[in-house]
Protein backbone atom coordinates (compact mmCIF):
# COMPACT_ATOMS: atom_id res chain seq x y z
CA UNK A 1 0.07 0.07 -0.09
CA UNK A 2 1.12 3.66 -0.88
CA UNK A 3 0.60 6.22 1.83
CA UNK A 4 0.63 9.79 1.10
CA UNK A 5 3.17 11.78 2.80
CA UNK A 6 1.20 14.74 3.46
CA UNK A 7 -2.08 14.75 5.05
CA UNK A 8 -4.79 17.42 6.08
CA UNK A 9 -6.02 16.80 9.51
CA UNK A 10 -8.18 18.69 11.86
CA UNK A 11 -6.63 18.65 15.27
CA UNK A 12 -8.82 18.29 18.23
CA UNK A 13 -8.13 20.36 21.35
CA UNK A 14 -8.24 19.00 24.77
CA UNK A 15 -11.65 20.43 25.35
CA UNK A 16 -13.04 18.40 22.61
CA UNK A 17 -13.57 21.08 20.11
CA UNK A 18 -11.89 21.04 16.68
CA UNK A 19 -9.55 23.51 15.73
CA UNK A 20 -10.89 26.58 13.51
CA UNK A 21 -9.18 25.39 10.24
CA UNK A 22 -7.25 22.03 9.42
CA UNK A 23 -3.50 21.95 9.48
CA UNK A 24 -1.01 20.36 7.07
CA UNK A 25 1.06 17.75 8.76
CA UNK A 26 4.19 15.79 7.41
CA UNK A 27 4.17 12.11 7.98
CA UNK A 28 7.61 10.78 7.93
CA UNK A 29 7.06 7.16 6.99
CA UNK A 30 10.48 6.27 8.38
CA UNK A 31 9.43 7.21 11.69
CA UNK A 32 6.38 4.83 11.90
CA UNK A 33 7.08 1.90 14.15
CA UNK A 34 4.86 -1.30 13.49
CA UNK A 35 3.50 -2.61 16.72
């Protein structure tokens, strides 16, 4: 399977409310450990 390096996500704050706008996060596939 091929996973996109960049994904748009809507961060959820501790109070349960989503952030006003989505942020772009970078996923480094080399840092993902399979558990």
